[in-house]
Amino acid sequence: MTFLRELFQKNFSTLLTMAMLVAVPLLGSGSLVYLLTQHQDLLQHLTPWQMLAYFALMGITMALALTNSTFVVIITGYFLGWAGLPGMVASYALAAALGYELARRLDQGKLRGFLHHFPKADAVLSELQDQSWQLILLTRLSPVLPFALMTFVLAIVGVPRKRFLAASVLGMLPRSLFFYWLGTKASDVLALLRDPDEGTLSKLVLLLLVAASLLGLYVVFNRALQRVLRRGTAIPKN
């Protein structure tokens, strides 16, 4: 209880930001769905400069948690086809980079500094940093873990910037390719956005992605905890 009370008292702004990163994408994506409902030709016949502006805008909105990453992938696949895939990958990289910098500036090391007062948690976190490649890949693999929230969390715990960007793009590819494919073959993008996992194949793929991510994260966290315990560090109880 002491840990939780101090966590909320000393990191309220950080925790509030994390909560908003879950709620805001739902509102932003809902607004875009309404916009597309009224103007379904909005993203058709874009010029090269308009496409560049579109991908830059999507990267910024994903970084700021104004849009859901799965939503962006589906509409890009539907309107732009496979020709838009490189731009979509670039948008992810931009969103990850901007989100990382924003998180570091907002938190300013407060959460990591707070955890130094709780040696067990700090020791496990240090172990996780040594396994950050696996940690980032697995968090990006799951379609149920919000993109912006995971960017914020990974940034404030101290994951190295270059490793974070490379592993983020690589980890997002499996689920992104799947949803992009759904977008390219959809006959009605609005119906797909309302139920993006319709169909047996879609449900099976989503289940496999979530299961692989959760199982992998469990293994990574358990391995980190076991290493801390094996070291036998005399850590006082809080």
Protein backbone atom coordinates (compact mmCIF):
# COMPACT_ATOMS: atom_id res chain seq x y z
CA MET A 1 0.00 0.00 0.00
CA THR A 2 2.89 2.34 0.79
CA PHE A 3 4.36 1.67 -2.64
CA LEU A 4 1.08 2.40 -4.42
CA ARG A 5 0.40 5.54 -2.40
CA GLU A 6 3.84 6.98 -3.12
CA LEU A 7 3.60 5.91 -6.75
CA PHE A 8 0.41 7.94 -7.27
CA GLN A 9 1.58 10.90 -5.20
CA LYS A 10 4.96 11.33 -6.88
CA ASN A 11 4.04 10.24 -10.42
CA PHE A 12 0.47 11.48 -10.81
CA SER A 13 1.14 13.40 -14.04
CA THR A 14 2.90 10.40 -15.60
CA LEU A 15 0.11 8.00 -14.64
CA LEU A 16 -2.56 10.44 -15.85
CA THR A 17 -0.80 10.68 -19.21
CA MET A 18 -0.73 6.88 -19.48
CA ALA A 19 -4.48 6.72 -18.80
CA MET A 20 -5.15 9.32 -21.48
CA LEU A 21 -3.05 7.36 -23.98
CA VAL A 22 -5.59 4.54 -23.65
CA ALA A 23 -8.77 6.63 -23.90
CA VAL A 24 -7.88 9.34 -26.43
CA PRO A 25 -7.17 7.04 -29.44
CA LEU A 26 -10.70 5.65 -29.18
CA LEU A 27 -12.17 9.15 -29.38
CA GLY A 28 -9.89 10.27 -32.20
CA SER A 29 -10.49 7.17 -34.29
CA GLY A 30 -14.23 7.49 -33.75
CA SER A 31 -14.10 11.04 -35.08
CA LEU A 32 -12.21 9.89 -38.18
CA VAL A 33 -14.74 7.14 -38.79
CA TYR A 34 -17.47 9.77 -38.80
CA LEU A 35 -15.42 11.95 -41.18
CA LEU A 36 -14.91 9.05 -43.57
CA THR A 37 -18.60 8.23 -43.39
CA GLN A 38 -19.42 11.70 -44.63
CA HIS A 39 -16.54 11.94 -47.14
CA GLN A 40 -15.58 8.47 -48.36
CA ASP A 41 -13.64 9.91 -51.32
CA LEU A 42 -11.34 11.92 -49.02
CA LEU A 43 -8.31 9.63 -49.42
CA GLN A 44 -8.81 8.66 -53.04
CA HIS A 45 -6.63 9.95 -55.89
CA LEU A 46 -4.00 11.59 -53.66
CA THR A 47 -1.02 13.30 -55.29
CA PRO A 48 2.50 12.28 -54.15
CA TRP A 49 2.75 15.39 -51.95
CA GLN A 50 -0.68 14.72 -50.47
CA MET A 51 0.35 11.13 -49.69
CA LEU A 52 3.52 12.41 -48.00
CA ALA A 53 1.43 14.82 -45.93
CA TYR A 54 -1.01 12.02 -45.09
CA PHE A 55 1.70 9.70 -43.77
CA ALA A 56 3.32 12.50 -41.78
CA LEU A 57 -0.06 13.42 -40.28
CA MET A 58 -0.77 9.78 -39.37
CA GLY A 59 2.63 9.47 -37.71
CA ILE A 60 1.97 12.57 -35.62
CA THR A 61 -1.56 11.52 -34.63
CA MET A 62 -0.39 8.04 -33.61
CA ALA A 63 2.46 9.53 -31.57
CA LEU A 64 0.04 11.87 -29.79
CA ALA A 65 -2.47 9.03 -29.29
CA LEU A 66 -5.08 10.83 -31.41
CA THR A 67 -5.62 7.78 -33.61
CA ASN A 68 -5.45 4.03 -33.08
CA SER A 69 -2.62 2.35 -35.01
CA THR A 70 -4.82 -0.54 -36.20
CA PHE A 71 -7.38 1.96 -37.50
CA VAL A 72 -4.66 3.80 -39.47
CA VAL A 73 -3.35 0.57 -41.01
CA ILE A 74 -6.79 -0.55 -42.16
CA ILE A 75 -7.79 2.71 -43.81
CA THR A 76 -4.38 3.05 -45.46
CA GLY A 77 -4.61 -0.45 -46.89
CA TYR A 78 -8.15 0.15 -48.11
CA PHE A 79 -7.58 3.52 -49.78
CA LEU A 80 -3.94 3.32 -50.90
CA GLY A 81 -3.37 -0.41 -51.45
CA TRP A 82 0.01 -2.11 -51.24
CA ALA A 83 1.70 0.92 -52.78
CA GLY A 84 1.09 2.71 -49.48
CA LEU A 85 2.79 0.07 -47.30
CA PRO A 86 6.28 1.70 -47.27
CA GLY A 87 4.69 4.99 -46.24
CA MET A 88 2.79 3.21 -43.49
CA VAL A 89 6.02 1.71 -42.12
CA ALA A 90 7.60 5.18 -42.22
CA SER A 91 4.59 6.55 -40.31
CA TYR A 92 5.13 3.95 -37.59
CA ALA A 93 8.79 4.86 -37.33
CA LEU A 94 7.90 8.56 -37.09
CA ALA A 95 5.21 7.86 -34.46
CA ALA A 96 7.61 5.75 -32.39
CA ALA A 97 10.35 8.39 -32.55
CA LEU A 98 8.05 11.29 -31.65
CA GLY A 99 6.29 9.31 -28.92
CA TYR A 100 9.62 8.30 -27.39
CA GLU A 101 10.88 11.88 -27.22
CA LEU A 102 7.56 13.15 -25.87
CA ALA A 103 7.50 10.53 -23.11
CA ARG A 104 11.06 11.29 -22.02
CA ARG A 105 10.35 15.02 -21.88
CA LEU A 106 7.08 14.61 -19.98
CA ASP A 107 8.38 12.17 -17.40
CA GLN A 108 11.95 13.57 -17.09
CA GLY A 109 13.13 10.44 -15.30
CA LYS A 110 10.69 10.80 -12.38
CA LEU A 111 9.27 7.27 -12.52
CA ARG A 112 12.66 5.59 -12.84
CA GLY A 113 14.00 7.76 -10.05
CA PHE A 114 11.04 6.78 -7.87
CA LEU A 115 11.72 3.08 -8.44
CA HIS A 116 15.26 3.49 -7.10
CA HIS A 117 13.63 3.67 -3.67
CA PHE A 118 12.26 0.14 -4.21
CA PRO A 119 15.31 -2.04 -4.93
CA LYS A 120 13.40 -5.17 -5.99
CA ALA A 121 11.41 -3.32 -8.64
CA ASP A 122 14.49 -1.40 -9.78
CA ALA A 123 16.57 -4.58 -10.04
CA VAL A 124 13.92 -6.33 -12.16
CA LEU A 125 13.62 -3.25 -14.36
CA SER A 126 17.38 -3.25 -14.92
CA GLU A 127 17.19 -6.89 -15.98
CA LEU A 128 14.37 -6.06 -18.39
CA GLN A 129 16.52 -3.37 -19.97
CA ASP A 130 19.10 -6.04 -20.77
CA GLN A 131 16.33 -7.94 -22.59
CA SER A 132 14.81 -4.87 -24.19
CA TRP A 133 14.91 -6.29 -27.74
CA GLN A 134 12.58 -9.12 -26.75
CA LEU A 135 10.48 -6.83 -24.56
CA ILE A 136 9.87 -4.31 -27.34
CA LEU A 137 9.19 -6.93 -30.02
CA LEU A 138 6.64 -8.71 -27.84
CA THR A 139 4.77 -5.56 -26.78
CA ARG A 140 4.53 -4.44 -30.42
CA LEU A 141 3.35 -7.85 -31.58
CA SER A 142 0.08 -7.78 -29.63
CA PRO A 143 -2.85 -5.96 -31.29
CA VAL A 144 -4.49 -5.36 -27.90
CA LEU A 145 -1.64 -3.35 -26.35
CA PRO A 146 -2.12 0.34 -27.29
CA PHE A 147 0.68 1.68 -29.48
CA ALA A 148 1.05 5.08 -27.82
CA LEU A 149 0.82 3.69 -24.28
CA MET A 150 3.51 1.08 -24.92
CA THR A 151 5.72 3.75 -26.48
CA PHE A 152 5.32 5.87 -23.36
CA VAL A 153 6.00 3.01 -20.95
CA LEU A 154 9.05 1.69 -22.79
CA ALA A 155 10.51 5.18 -23.10
CA ILE A 156 10.18 6.14 -19.43
CA VAL A 157 11.70 2.88 -18.16
CA GLY A 158 14.87 3.71 -20.09
CA VAL A 159 14.91 1.50 -23.18
CA PRO A 160 17.74 2.72 -25.49
CA ARG A 161 16.44 4.97 -28.29
CA LYS A 162 17.96 3.24 -31.35
CA ARG A 163 17.04 -0.23 -30.11
CA PHE A 164 13.54 0.98 -29.34
CA LEU A 165 12.96 2.39 -32.83
CA ALA A 166 14.36 -0.63 -34.68
CA ALA A 167 12.54 -3.22 -32.55
CA SER A 168 9.29 -1.20 -32.63
CA VAL A 169 9.12 -1.19 -36.43
CA LEU A 170 10.13 -4.85 -36.67
CA GLY A 171 7.70 -5.93 -33.94
CA MET A 172 4.76 -4.07 -35.50
CA LEU A 173 5.19 -5.69 -38.92
CA PRO A 174 3.35 -9.02 -38.34
CA ARG A 175 0.12 -7.51 -37.03
CA SER A 176 0.38 -4.49 -39.35
CA LEU A 177 0.73 -6.68 -42.43
CA PHE A 178 -2.31 -8.67 -41.35
CA PHE A 179 -4.53 -5.62 -40.81
CA TYR A 180 -3.15 -3.98 -43.94
CA TRP A 181 -4.13 -7.07 -45.90
CA LEU A 182 -7.62 -6.89 -44.37
CA GLY A 183 -7.85 -3.29 -45.52
CA THR A 184 -6.80 -4.09 -49.10
CA LYS A 185 -9.39 -6.83 -49.52
CA ALA A 186 -12.28 -5.05 -47.75
CA SER A 187 -15.33 -4.14 -49.81
CA ASP A 188 -16.62 -1.76 -47.12
CA VAL A 189 -13.97 -0.11 -44.96
CA LEU A 190 -16.49 1.32 -42.50
CA ALA A 191 -17.95 -2.13 -41.81
CA LEU A 192 -14.42 -3.47 -41.36
CA LEU A 193 -13.54 -0.71 -38.89
CA ARG A 194 -16.60 -1.56 -36.82
CA ASP A 195 -15.58 -5.23 -36.69
CA PRO A 196 -11.94 -5.64 -37.79
CA ASP A 197 -11.70 -9.25 -36.53
CA GLU A 198 -14.70 -10.67 -38.34
CA GLY A 199 -14.21 -14.11 -39.87
CA THR A 200 -12.66 -17.32 -38.54
CA LEU A 201 -9.22 -16.67 -40.05
CA SER A 202 -9.08 -13.15 -38.61
CA LYS A 203 -10.04 -14.32 -35.13
CA LEU A 204 -7.48 -17.13 -35.26
CA VAL A 205 -4.65 -14.81 -36.34
CA LEU A 206 -5.53 -12.25 -33.65
CA LEU A 207 -5.68 -14.97 -31.01
CA LEU A 208 -2.27 -16.30 -32.04
CA LEU A 209 -0.71 -12.82 -31.96
CA VAL A 210 -2.11 -12.05 -28.51
CA ALA A 211 -1.14 -15.47 -27.13
CA ALA A 212 2.40 -15.23 -28.50
CA SER A 213 2.82 -11.74 -27.08
CA LEU A 214 1.46 -12.55 -23.61
CA LEU A 215 3.35 -15.84 -23.32
CA GLY A 216 6.57 -14.22 -24.47
CA LEU A 217 6.16 -11.30 -22.04
CA TYR A 218 5.53 -13.75 -19.20
CA VAL A 219 8.75 -15.61 -20.03
CA VAL A 220 10.76 -12.37 -20.25
CA PHE A 221 9.43 -10.98 -16.95
CA ASN A 222 9.81 -14.32 -15.17
CA ARG A 223 13.39 -14.68 -16.44
CA ALA A 224 14.23 -11.19 -15.18
CA LEU A 225 12.73 -11.92 -11.76
CA GLN A 226 14.56 -15.25 -11.46
CA ARG A 227 17.89 -13.63 -12.28
CA VAL A 228 17.35 -11.03 -9.56
CA LEU A 229 16.46 -13.75 -7.05
CA ARG A 230 19.44 -15.94 -8.04
CA ARG A 231 21.84 -13.10 -7.41
CA GLY A 232 20.68 -13.29 -3.80
CA THR A 233 20.97 -9.54 -3.38
CA ALA A 234 20.08 -8.55 0.14
CA ILE A 235 17.20 -6.24 -0.63
CA PRO A 236 15.28 -4.87 2.34
CA LYS A 237 11.54 -5.21 2.36
CA ASN A 238 9.50 -2.03 1.72
